[in-house]
Amino acid sequence: MSDSIFTEQGNVKRLDTKFNADMLKTLAMIIMLTDHIGAFLIEQSDPLYWPLRTVGRLAFPIFCFLIAEGAYYTRSMPKYLASLAAFALISTPPYNLVHGSPWNSPDNVNVFFTLFFGLAAIYSISGLPQAVFRRLGKFKLAENKTACVIFGLPLCALCYYAAYWMDTDYGEYGVAAILIFWLLRKRPVEAWISFSLMTFVFFCFFIVSRNEAGGTEYLRINLYNVATELVNKPGAGLYYYMQKQIYASLAAIPCLLYNGKRGDKRGKGVKYLFYAFYPVHLWAIWFVQLALNQ
């Protein structure tokens, strides 16, 4: 294709379109609302359930992509992390309630926690090591990219494990997705191919094993399950099952159309309006649940 259809934005060659970050966020919110209407207000037997949930698969990868973009553009990573942490806590009561749990239940951990750990993983191998080395007066180490990565990798791994251990919404898969979009930010097509391959492995392959009662278990592939089941349990094997999450790869279409610009008219509070949509729409869904159950 001719270079005339591309534009350089944020050190990345992107398609020269009108589709900016605010439009992409708005699309993601509409898709997320569609998904949650299906998940929390419609029975699985309803013909609309699976179409709504399938379309909803596109929302999360768009948010992961935007977190990686935000990590590049933010002026203060600590403030960015603090905003995500604050909305993770604010969103906890309605997220629990729409799941039918007490408002303060620890059993349901919303997606803002996943986004927080993903951003923290980026910070662990980028800005944080430099800041620590500079604070310690080790300016040569602060300029040494290899030393910073080596210093930050254990913290990055801890963020990944924290999402897995807390069983956040999308868990370690979400943290890995954010890292992919950040690490391959200058090569967006390769980023989406990598994300699609990861999604295929994460959601279409399982370990078939036996539990203590002799029943069959289908376990997601991770380092722990590979070691305990595939290696140590005779008869354990792999099982393939096509899941709707594979449609998340279609989120590449709007993200590759994104022009790298924030928005035409943006006030200081716009980003918080996007954040606030998450807890507000969950509260709205919970009130609808109450009305339907009366």
C-alpha atoms as a PDB file:
ATOM      1  CA  MET A   1       0.000   0.000   0.000  1.00  0.00           C
ATOM      2  CA  SER A   2       1.088   3.578  -0.618  1.00  0.00           C
ATOM      3  CA  ASP A   3       2.737   5.478   2.233  1.00  0.00           C
ATOM      4  CA  SER A   4       0.203   8.276   1.618  1.00  0.00           C
ATOM      5  CA  ILE A   5      -2.428   6.332   3.568  1.00  0.00           C
ATOM      6  CA  PHE A   6      -0.170   6.169   6.631  1.00  0.00           C
ATOM      7  CA  THR A   7       0.779   8.730   9.237  1.00  0.00           C
ATOM      8  CA  GLU A   8       3.473   8.743  11.912  1.00  0.00           C
ATOM      9  CA  GLN A   9       2.016   9.043  15.418  1.00  0.00           C
ATOM     10  CA  GLY A  10       3.862   8.262  18.655  1.00  0.00           C
ATOM     11  CA  ASN A  11       6.795   6.690  16.750  1.00  0.00           C
ATOM     12  CA  VAL A  12       4.404   4.222  15.077  1.00  0.00           C
ATOM     13  CA  LYS A  13       3.295   4.190  11.445  1.00  0.00           C
ATOM     14  CA  ARG A  14      -0.514   4.053  11.517  1.00  0.00           C
ATOM     15  CA  LEU A  15      -3.333   4.301   9.017  1.00  0.00           C
ATOM     16  CA  ASP A  16      -4.326   7.926   8.404  1.00  0.00           C
ATOM     17  CA  THR A  17      -7.952   7.717   9.591  1.00  0.00           C
ATOM     18  CA  LYS A  18     -10.337   9.799  11.702  1.00  0.00           C
ATOM     19  CA  PHE A  19     -10.555   7.019  14.303  1.00  0.00           C
ATOM     20  CA  ASN A  20      -8.894   8.378  17.465  1.00  0.00           C
ATOM     21  CA  ALA A  21      -8.416   7.013  20.992  1.00  0.00           C
ATOM     22  CA  ASP A  22     -11.634   8.493  22.373  1.00  0.00           C
ATOM     23  CA  MET A  23     -13.619   6.830  19.589  1.00  0.00           C
ATOM     24  CA  LEU A  24     -11.853   3.530  20.265  1.00  0.00           C
ATOM     25  CA  LYS A  25     -12.636   3.779  23.991  1.00  0.00           C
ATOM     26  CA  THR A  26     -16.277   4.591  23.237  1.00  0.00           C
ATOM     27  CA  LEU A  27     -16.520   1.558  20.960  1.00  0.00           C
ATOM     28  CA  ALA A  28     -14.950  -0.650  23.648  1.00  0.00           C
ATOM     29  CA  MET A  29     -17.439   0.598  26.248  1.00  0.00           C
ATOM     30  CA  ILE A  30     -20.403  -0.111  23.959  1.00  0.00           C
ATOM     31  CA  ILE A  31     -19.080  -3.617  23.294  1.00  0.00           C
ATOM     32  CA  MET A  32     -18.477  -4.179  27.017  1.00  0.00           C
ATOM     33  CA  LEU A  33     -22.020  -3.051  27.835  1.00  0.00           C
ATOM     34  CA  THR A  34     -23.340  -5.434  25.180  1.00  0.00           C
ATOM     35  CA  ASP A  35     -21.343  -8.281  26.713  1.00  0.00           C
ATOM     36  CA  HIS A  36     -22.498  -7.538  30.257  1.00  0.00           C
ATOM     37  CA  ILE A  37     -26.145  -7.296  29.223  1.00  0.00           C
ATOM     38  CA  GLY A  38     -25.760 -10.815  27.878  1.00  0.00           C
ATOM     39  CA  ALA A  39     -23.787 -12.056  30.874  1.00  0.00           C
ATOM     40  CA  PHE A  40     -25.905 -10.614  33.690  1.00  0.00           C
ATOM     41  CA  LEU A  41     -29.388  -9.973  32.306  1.00  0.00           C
ATOM     42  CA  ILE A  42     -30.042 -12.738  29.784  1.00  0.00           C
ATOM     43  CA  GLU A  43     -30.380 -16.478  30.351  1.00  0.00           C
ATOM     44  CA  GLN A  44     -28.034 -18.792  28.475  1.00  0.00           C
ATOM     45  CA  SER A  45     -31.053 -20.418  26.846  1.00  0.00           C
ATOM     46  CA  ASP A  46     -32.018 -17.113  25.216  1.00  0.00           C
ATOM     47  CA  PRO A  47     -31.052 -16.942  21.500  1.00  0.00           C
ATOM     48  CA  LEU A  48     -29.431 -13.541  22.101  1.00  0.00           C
ATOM     49  CA  TYR A  49     -27.067 -14.803  24.812  1.00  0.00           C
ATOM     50  CA  TRP A  50     -24.254 -16.242  22.692  1.00  0.00           C
ATOM     51  CA  PRO A  51     -24.245 -13.484  20.023  1.00  0.00           C
ATOM     52  CA  LEU A  52     -23.982 -10.820  22.727  1.00  0.00           C
ATOM     53  CA  ARG A  53     -21.223 -12.681  24.576  1.00  0.00           C
ATOM     54  CA  THR A  54     -19.330 -13.376  21.361  1.00  0.00           C
ATOM     55  CA  VAL A  55     -19.380  -9.723  20.297  1.00  0.00           C
ATOM     56  CA  GLY A  56     -18.325  -8.872  23.845  1.00  0.00           C
ATOM     57  CA  ARG A  57     -15.018 -10.713  23.383  1.00  0.00           C
ATOM     58  CA  LEU A  58     -13.682  -7.693  21.511  1.00  0.00           C
ATOM     59  CA  ALA A  59     -13.861  -5.294  24.469  1.00  0.00           C
ATOM     60  CA  PHE A  60     -11.082  -6.578  26.705  1.00  0.00           C
ATOM     61  CA  PRO A  61      -8.258  -6.675  24.120  1.00  0.00           C
ATOM     62  CA  ILE A  62      -9.137  -3.112  23.118  1.00  0.00           C
ATOM     63  CA  PHE A  63      -8.746  -2.029  26.754  1.00  0.00           C
ATOM     64  CA  CYS A  64      -5.408  -3.893  26.958  1.00  0.00           C
ATOM     65  CA  PHE A  65      -4.253  -2.155  23.790  1.00  0.00           C
ATOM     66  CA  LEU A  66      -5.261   1.234  25.225  1.00  0.00           C
ATOM     67  CA  ILE A  67      -3.412   0.556  28.488  1.00  0.00           C
ATOM     68  CA  ALA A  68      -0.236  -0.105  26.488  1.00  0.00           C
ATOM     69  CA  GLU A  69      -0.824   3.132  24.564  1.00  0.00           C
ATOM     70  CA  GLY A  70      -1.445   5.003  27.801  1.00  0.00           C
ATOM     71  CA  ALA A  71       1.818   3.678  29.229  1.00  0.00           C
ATOM     72  CA  TYR A  72       3.646   5.311  26.327  1.00  0.00           C
ATOM     73  CA  TYR A  73       1.886   8.676  26.553  1.00  0.00           C
ATOM     74  CA  THR A  74       1.415   9.134  30.308  1.00  0.00           C
ATOM     75  CA  ARG A  75       3.348  11.886  32.046  1.00  0.00           C
ATOM     76  CA  SER A  76       3.281  10.080  35.392  1.00  0.00           C
ATOM     77  CA  MET A  77       3.171   6.304  35.629  1.00  0.00           C
ATOM     78  CA  PRO A  78       2.575   6.360  39.431  1.00  0.00           C
ATOM     79  CA  LYS A  79      -0.487   8.599  38.957  1.00  0.00           C
ATOM     80  CA  TYR A  80      -1.739   6.364  36.148  1.00  0.00           C
ATOM     81  CA  LEU A  81      -1.366   3.312  38.404  1.00  0.00           C
ATOM     82  CA  ALA A  82      -3.079   5.127  41.278  1.00  0.00           C
ATOM     83  CA  SER A  83      -6.061   5.956  39.036  1.00  0.00           C
ATOM     84  CA  LEU A  84      -6.460   2.317  38.005  1.00  0.00           C
ATOM     85  CA  ALA A  85      -6.141   1.158  41.627  1.00  0.00           C
ATOM     86  CA  ALA A  86      -8.747   3.675  42.787  1.00  0.00           C
ATOM     87  CA  PHE A  87     -11.289   2.596  40.177  1.00  0.00           C
ATOM     88  CA  ALA A  88     -10.535  -1.060  40.908  1.00  0.00           C
ATOM     89  CA  LEU A  89     -11.640  -0.451  44.488  1.00  0.00           C
ATOM     90  CA  ILE A  90     -14.590   1.740  43.477  1.00  0.00           C
ATOM     91  CA  SER A  91     -15.795  -0.952  41.058  1.00  0.00           C
ATOM     92  CA  THR A  92     -15.583  -3.797  43.584  1.00  0.00           C
ATOM     93  CA  PRO A  93     -19.057  -3.403  45.206  1.00  0.00           C
ATOM     94  CA  PRO A  94     -21.102  -3.304  41.967  1.00  0.00           C
ATOM     95  CA  TYR A  95     -18.949  -6.030  40.390  1.00  0.00           C
ATOM     96  CA  ASN A  96     -19.695  -8.301  43.342  1.00  0.00           C
ATOM     97  CA  LEU A  97     -23.386  -7.450  43.355  1.00  0.00           C
ATOM     98  CA  VAL A  98     -23.992  -8.210  39.668  1.00  0.00           C
ATOM     99  CA  HIS A  99     -22.363 -11.599  40.294  1.00  0.00           C
ATOM    100  CA  GLY A 100     -24.860 -12.247  43.088  1.00  0.00           C
ATOM    101  CA  SER A 101     -22.256 -11.965  45.857  1.00  0.00           C
ATOM    102  CA  PRO A 102     -22.095  -9.669  48.917  1.00  0.00           C
ATOM    103  CA  TRP A 103     -20.756  -6.235  47.994  1.00  0.00           C
ATOM    104  CA  ASN A 104     -17.489  -6.850  49.872  1.00  0.00           C
ATOM    105  CA  SER A 105     -16.882 -10.430  48.733  1.00  0.00           C
ATOM    106  CA  PRO A 106     -13.244 -11.319  47.864  1.00  0.00           C
ATOM    107  CA  ASP A 107     -14.409 -13.953  45.367  1.00  0.00           C
ATOM    108  CA  ASN A 108     -14.902 -11.643  42.359  1.00  0.00           C
ATOM    109  CA  VAL A 109     -11.974  -9.468  41.270  1.00  0.00           C
ATOM    110  CA  ASN A 110     -12.822  -6.957  38.552  1.00  0.00           C
ATOM    111  CA  VAL A 111     -10.927  -6.141  35.380  1.00  0.00           C
ATOM    112  CA  PHE A 112      -9.451  -2.894  36.720  1.00  0.00           C
ATOM    113  CA  PHE A 113      -7.169  -5.031  38.903  1.00  0.00           C
ATOM    114  CA  THR A 114      -5.987  -6.875  35.781  1.00  0.00           C
ATOM    115  CA  LEU A 115      -5.315  -3.592  33.990  1.00  0.00           C
ATOM    116  CA  PHE A 116      -3.467  -2.341  37.083  1.00  0.00           C
ATOM    117  CA  PHE A 117      -1.188  -5.395  37.197  1.00  0.00           C
ATOM    118  CA  GLY A 118      -0.594  -5.162  33.446  1.00  0.00           C
ATOM    119  CA  LEU A 119       0.466  -1.513  33.713  1.00  0.00           C
ATOM    120  CA  ALA A 120       2.561  -2.311  36.802  1.00  0.00           C
ATOM    121  CA  ALA A 121       4.311  -5.058  34.808  1.00  0.00           C
ATOM    122  CA  ILE A 122       5.198  -2.497  32.129  1.00  0.00           C
ATOM    123  CA  TYR A 123       6.450  -0.051  34.755  1.00  0.00           C
ATOM    124  CA  SER A 124       8.526  -2.797  36.360  1.00  0.00           C
ATOM    125  CA  ILE A 125      10.673  -3.181  33.257  1.00  0.00           C
ATOM    126  CA  SER A 126      10.648   0.416  32.092  1.00  0.00           C
ATOM    127  CA  GLY A 127      10.412   3.501  34.303  1.00  0.00           C
ATOM    128  CA  LEU A 128      10.668   1.981  37.787  1.00  0.00           C
ATOM    129  CA  PRO A 129      14.248   0.608  37.569  1.00  0.00           C
ATOM    130  CA  GLN A 130      15.521   3.921  36.198  1.00  0.00           C
ATOM    131  CA  ALA A 131      13.776   5.836  38.991  1.00  0.00           C
ATOM    132  CA  VAL A 132      15.217   3.530  41.667  1.00  0.00           C
ATOM    133  CA  PHE A 133      18.756   3.685  40.265  1.00  0.00           C
ATOM    134  CA  ARG A 134      18.616   7.469  40.000  1.00  0.00           C
ATOM    135  CA  ARG A 135      17.340   7.745  43.572  1.00  0.00           C
ATOM    136  CA  LEU A 136      20.311   5.618  44.673  1.00  0.00           C
ATOM    137  CA  GLY A 137      22.720   7.786  42.683  1.00  0.00           C
ATOM    138  CA  LYS A 138      23.507   4.961  40.228  1.00  0.00           C
ATOM    139  CA  PHE A 139      23.125   7.063  37.105  1.00  0.00           C
ATOM    140  CA  LYS A 140      25.139   4.763  34.837  1.00  0.00           C
ATOM    141  CA  LEU A 141      22.909   1.849  35.784  1.00  0.00           C
ATOM    142  CA  ALA A 142      19.849   4.010  35.148  1.00  0.00           C
ATOM    143  CA  GLU A 143      21.027   4.481  31.553  1.00  0.00           C
ATOM    144  CA  ASN A 144      21.842   0.782  31.128  1.00  0.00           C
ATOM    145  CA  LYS A 145      18.747  -0.824  29.552  1.00  0.00           C
ATOM    146  CA  THR A 146      19.975  -4.363  30.193  1.00  0.00           C
ATOM    147  CA  ALA A 147      20.513  -3.694  33.912  1.00  0.00           C
ATOM    148  CA  CYS A 148      17.064  -2.094  34.183  1.00  0.00           C
ATOM    149  CA  VAL A 149      15.362  -5.067  32.533  1.00  0.00           C
ATOM    150  CA  ILE A 150      17.224  -7.568  34.739  1.00  0.00           C
ATOM    151  CA  PHE A 151      16.264  -5.557  37.812  1.00  0.00           C
ATOM    152  CA  GLY A 152      12.633  -5.281  36.736  1.00  0.00           C
ATOM    153  CA  LEU A 153      11.911  -8.792  35.447  1.00  0.00           C
ATOM    154  CA  PRO A 154      11.240 -10.329  38.902  1.00  0.00           C
ATOM    155  CA  LEU A 155       8.768  -7.515  39.637  1.00  0.00           C
ATOM    156  CA  CYS A 156       7.145  -8.026  36.239  1.00  0.00           C
ATOM    157  CA  ALA A 157       6.789 -11.746  36.972  1.00  0.00           C
ATOM    158  CA  LEU A 158       5.291 -10.880  40.365  1.00  0.00           C
ATOM    159  CA  CYS A 159       2.604  -8.748  38.667  1.00  0.00           C
ATOM    160  CA  TYR A 160       1.805 -11.640  36.348  1.00  0.00           C
ATOM    161  CA  TYR A 161       1.568 -14.066  39.263  1.00  0.00           C
ATOM    162  CA  ALA A 162      -0.517 -11.632  41.346  1.00  0.00           C
ATOM    163  CA  ALA A 163      -3.207 -11.543  38.647  1.00  0.00           C
ATOM    164  CA  TYR A 164      -3.161 -15.352  38.539  1.00  0.00           C
ATOM    165  CA  TRP A 165      -3.190 -15.747  42.342  1.00  0.00           C
ATOM    166  CA  MET A 166      -5.986 -13.207  42.861  1.00  0.00           C
ATOM    167  CA  ASP A 167      -7.926 -14.735  39.948  1.00  0.00           C
ATOM    168  CA  THR A 168      -8.707 -11.310  38.530  1.00  0.00           C
ATOM    169  CA  ASP A 169     -11.028 -10.985  35.542  1.00  0.00           C
ATOM    170  CA  TYR A 170      -8.939 -12.406  32.645  1.00  0.00           C
ATOM    171  CA  GLY A 171      -6.088 -12.959  35.116  1.00  0.00           C
ATOM    172  CA  GLU A 172      -2.568 -13.604  33.867  1.00  0.00           C
ATOM    173  CA  TYR A 173      -3.828 -13.720  30.270  1.00  0.00           C
ATOM    174  CA  GLY A 174      -4.735 -10.037  30.571  1.00  0.00           C
ATOM    175  CA  VAL A 175      -1.332  -9.067  31.964  1.00  0.00           C
ATOM    176  CA  ALA A 176       0.391 -10.965  29.144  1.00  0.00           C
ATOM    177  CA  ALA A 177      -1.828  -9.246  26.552  1.00  0.00           C
ATOM    178  CA  ILE A 178      -0.910  -5.787  27.858  1.00  0.00           C
ATOM    179  CA  LEU A 179       2.787  -6.686  27.789  1.00  0.00           C
ATOM    180  CA  ILE A 180       2.492  -7.931  24.192  1.00  0.00           C
ATOM    181  CA  PHE A 181       0.864  -4.705  23.035  1.00  0.00           C
ATOM    182  CA  TRP A 182       3.526  -2.648  24.821  1.00  0.00           C
ATOM    183  CA  LEU A 183       6.562  -4.674  23.755  1.00  0.00           C
ATOM    184  CA  LEU A 184       5.400  -4.816  20.115  1.00  0.00           C
ATOM    185  CA  ARG A 185       3.892  -1.349  20.054  1.00  0.00           C
ATOM    186  CA  LYS A 186       5.953  -0.248  17.022  1.00  0.00           C
ATOM    187  CA  ARG A 187       4.898  -3.405  15.146  1.00  0.00           C
ATOM    188  CA  PRO A 188       1.103  -3.472  15.626  1.00  0.00           C
ATOM    189  CA  VAL A 189       0.400  -6.228  13.089  1.00  0.00           C
ATOM    190  CA  GLU A 190       2.916  -8.529  14.792  1.00  0.00           C
ATOM    191  CA  ALA A 191       1.413  -7.587  18.157  1.00  0.00           C
ATOM    192  CA  TRP A 192      -2.041  -8.718  17.079  1.00  0.00           C
ATOM    193  CA  ILE A 193      -0.711 -11.932  15.564  1.00  0.00           C
ATOM    194  CA  SER A 194       1.078 -12.666  18.856  1.00  0.00           C
ATOM    195  CA  PHE A 195      -2.037 -11.836  20.861  1.00  0.00           C
ATOM    196  CA  SER A 196      -4.163 -14.101  18.653  1.00  0.00           C
ATOM    197  CA  LEU A 197      -1.747 -17.011  19.054  1.00  0.00           C
ATOM    198  CA  MET A 198      -1.679 -16.526  22.819  1.00  0.00           C
ATOM    199  CA  THR A 199      -5.486 -16.415  22.925  1.00  0.00           C
ATOM    200  CA  PHE A 200      -5.648 -19.631  20.913  1.00  0.00           C
ATOM    201  CA  VAL A 201      -3.346 -21.421  23.376  1.00  0.00           C
ATOM    202  CA  PHE A 202      -4.913 -19.940  26.517  1.00  0.00           C
ATOM    203  CA  PHE A 203      -8.531 -20.677  25.637  1.00  0.00           C
ATOM    204  CA  CYS A 204      -8.562 -23.552  23.157  1.00  0.00           C
ATOM    205  CA  PHE A 205      -6.206 -26.044  24.815  1.00  0.00           C
ATOM    206  CA  PHE A 206      -6.732 -27.703  28.187  1.00  0.00           C
ATOM    207  CA  ILE A 207      -5.021 -30.383  30.244  1.00  0.00           C
ATOM    208  CA  VAL A 208      -7.236 -33.434  30.739  1.00  0.00           C
ATOM    209  CA  SER A 209      -6.469 -34.996  34.090  1.00  0.00           C
ATOM    210  CA  ARG A 210      -8.010 -36.962  36.938  1.00  0.00           C
ATOM    211  CA  ASN A 211      -8.863 -35.538  40.345  1.00  0.00           C
ATOM    212  CA  GLU A 212      -8.609 -37.381  43.661  1.00  0.00           C
ATOM    213  CA  ALA A 213     -12.154 -38.721  43.292  1.00  0.00           C
ATOM    214  CA  GLY A 214     -11.325 -40.212  39.899  1.00  0.00           C
ATOM    215  CA  GLY A 215     -13.349 -37.660  37.927  1.00  0.00           C
ATOM    216  CA  THR A 216     -12.157 -35.945  34.766  1.00  0.00           C
ATOM    217  CA  GLU A 217     -10.845 -32.391  35.104  1.00  0.00           C
ATOM    218  CA  TYR A 218     -10.181 -29.869  32.341  1.00  0.00           C
ATOM    219  CA  LEU A 219      -7.443 -27.505  33.509  1.00  0.00           C
ATOM    220  CA  ARG A 220      -6.079 -24.421  31.797  1.00  0.00           C
ATOM    221  CA  ILE A 221      -2.482 -24.697  30.658  1.00  0.00           C
ATOM    222  CA  ASN A 222      -0.029 -22.898  32.927  1.00  0.00           C
ATOM    223  CA  LEU A 223       3.398 -23.668  34.354  1.00  0.00           C
ATOM    224  CA  TYR A 224       1.980 -25.191  37.530  1.00  0.00           C
ATOM    225  CA  ASN A 225      -0.504 -27.478  35.761  1.00  0.00           C
ATOM    226  CA  VAL A 226       2.053 -28.580  33.192  1.00  0.00           C
ATOM    227  CA  ALA A 227       4.375 -29.661  36.015  1.00  0.00           C
ATOM    228  CA  THR A 228       1.785 -31.324  38.247  1.00  0.00           C
ATOM    229  CA  GLU A 229      -0.490 -32.873  35.623  1.00  0.00           C
ATOM    230  CA  LEU A 230       1.244 -33.435  32.290  1.00  0.00           C
ATOM    231  CA  VAL A 231       4.608 -34.371  33.795  1.00  0.00           C
ATOM    232  CA  ASN A 232       3.646 -36.174  36.980  1.00  0.00           C
ATOM    233  CA  LYS A 233       0.237 -37.745  36.303  1.00  0.00           C
ATOM    234  CA  PRO A 234       0.118 -40.838  34.084  1.00  0.00           C
ATOM    235  CA  GLY A 235      -2.598 -40.582  31.450  1.00  0.00           C
ATOM    236  CA  ALA A 236      -2.870 -36.793  31.534  1.00  0.00           C
ATOM    237  CA  GLY A 237      -3.016 -35.204  28.096  1.00  0.00           C
ATOM    238  CA  LEU A 238      -4.104 -32.234  26.011  1.00  0.00           C
ATOM    239  CA  TYR A 239      -7.658 -31.491  24.942  1.00  0.00           C
ATOM    240  CA  TYR A 240      -8.752 -29.018  22.260  1.00  0.00           C
ATOM    241  CA  TYR A 241     -12.029 -27.132  22.510  1.00  0.00           C
ATOM    242  CA  MET A 242     -13.018 -24.079  20.446  1.00  0.00           C
ATOM    243  CA  GLN A 243     -14.098 -21.246  22.749  1.00  0.00           C
ATOM    244  CA  LYS A 244     -15.774 -17.940  21.972  1.00  0.00           C
ATOM    245  CA  GLN A 245     -12.765 -16.053  23.354  1.00  0.00           C
ATOM    246  CA  ILE A 246     -10.955 -16.714  20.083  1.00  0.00           C
ATOM    247  CA  TYR A 247     -13.143 -13.971  18.563  1.00  0.00           C
ATOM    248  CA  ALA A 248     -11.176 -11.492  20.683  1.00  0.00           C
ATOM    249  CA  SER A 249      -8.706 -11.432  17.794  1.00  0.00           C
ATOM    250  CA  LEU A 250     -11.257  -9.442  15.763  1.00  0.00           C
ATOM    251  CA  ALA A 251     -10.486  -6.471  18.023  1.00  0.00           C
ATOM    252  CA  ALA A 252      -7.457  -6.032  15.762  1.00  0.00           C
ATOM    253  CA  ILE A 253      -9.714  -4.395  13.171  1.00  0.00           C
ATOM    254  CA  PRO A 254     -10.684  -1.241  15.133  1.00  0.00           C
ATOM    255  CA  CYS A 255      -7.265  -1.063  16.829  1.00  0.00           C
ATOM    256  CA  LEU A 256      -5.394  -1.129  13.509  1.00  0.00           C
ATOM    257  CA  LEU A 257      -7.715   1.633  12.263  1.00  0.00           C
ATOM    258  CA  TYR A 258      -6.755   3.769  15.305  1.00  0.00           C
ATOM    259  CA  ASN A 259      -4.784   6.823  14.146  1.00  0.00           C
ATOM    260  CA  GLY A 260      -2.659   7.281  17.284  1.00  0.00           C
ATOM    261  CA  LYS A 261      -4.352  10.531  18.347  1.00  0.00           C
ATOM    262  CA  ARG A 262      -6.179  11.071  21.641  1.00  0.00           C
ATOM    263  CA  GLY A 263      -9.224  13.032  20.527  1.00  0.00           C
ATOM    264  CA  ASP A 264     -10.264  16.252  18.838  1.00  0.00           C
ATOM    265  CA  LYS A 265     -11.718  17.938  21.931  1.00  0.00           C
ATOM    266  CA  ARG A 266     -10.472  16.599  25.225  1.00  0.00           C
ATOM    267  CA  GLY A 267     -10.932  18.151  28.666  1.00  0.00           C
ATOM    268  CA  LYS A 268      -9.008  17.146  31.772  1.00  0.00           C
ATOM    269  CA  GLY A 269     -11.819  15.002  33.108  1.00  0.00           C
ATOM    270  CA  VAL A 270     -12.528  13.017  29.940  1.00  0.00           C
ATOM    271  CA  LYS A 271     -10.339  10.037  30.865  1.00  0.00           C
ATOM    272  CA  TYR A 272     -12.070   9.767  34.247  1.00  0.00           C
ATOM    273  CA  LEU A 273     -15.456   9.719  32.521  1.00  0.00           C
ATOM    274  CA  PHE A 274     -14.261   6.671  30.586  1.00  0.00           C
ATOM    275  CA  TYR A 275     -13.056   5.068  33.825  1.00  0.00           C
ATOM    276  CA  ALA A 276     -16.305   5.907  35.618  1.00  0.00           C
ATOM    277  CA  PHE A 277     -18.387   4.182  32.967  1.00  0.00           C
ATOM    278  CA  TYR A 278     -17.278   0.793  34.296  1.00  0.00           C
ATOM    279  CA  PRO A 279     -18.660   1.040  37.868  1.00  0.00           C
ATOM    280  CA  VAL A 280     -21.642   3.153  36.755  1.00  0.00           C
ATOM    281  CA  HIS A 281     -22.832   0.641  34.171  1.00  0.00           C
ATOM    282  CA  LEU A 282     -22.378  -2.196  36.693  1.00  0.00           C
ATOM    283  CA  TRP A 283     -24.567  -0.344  39.199  1.00  0.00           C
ATOM    284  CA  ALA A 284     -27.167   0.177  36.430  1.00  0.00           C
ATOM    285  CA  ILE A 285     -27.140  -3.532  35.575  1.00  0.00           C
ATOM    286  CA  TRP A 286     -27.546  -4.446  39.252  1.00  0.00           C
ATOM    287  CA  PHE A 287     -30.583  -2.172  39.585  1.00  0.00           C
ATOM    288  CA  VAL A 288     -32.090  -3.796  36.491  1.00  0.00           C
ATOM    289  CA  GLN A 289     -31.409  -7.213  38.062  1.00  0.00           C
ATOM    290  CA  LEU A 290     -33.296  -6.108  41.185  1.00  0.00           C
ATOM    291  CA  ALA A 291     -36.220  -4.876  39.100  1.00  0.00           C
ATOM    292  CA  LEU A 292     -36.398  -8.101  37.095  1.00  0.00           C
ATOM    293  CA  ASN A 293     -36.278 -10.259  40.228  1.00  0.00           C
ATOM    294  CA  GLN A 294     -39.158  -8.487  41.964  1.00  0.00           C
END
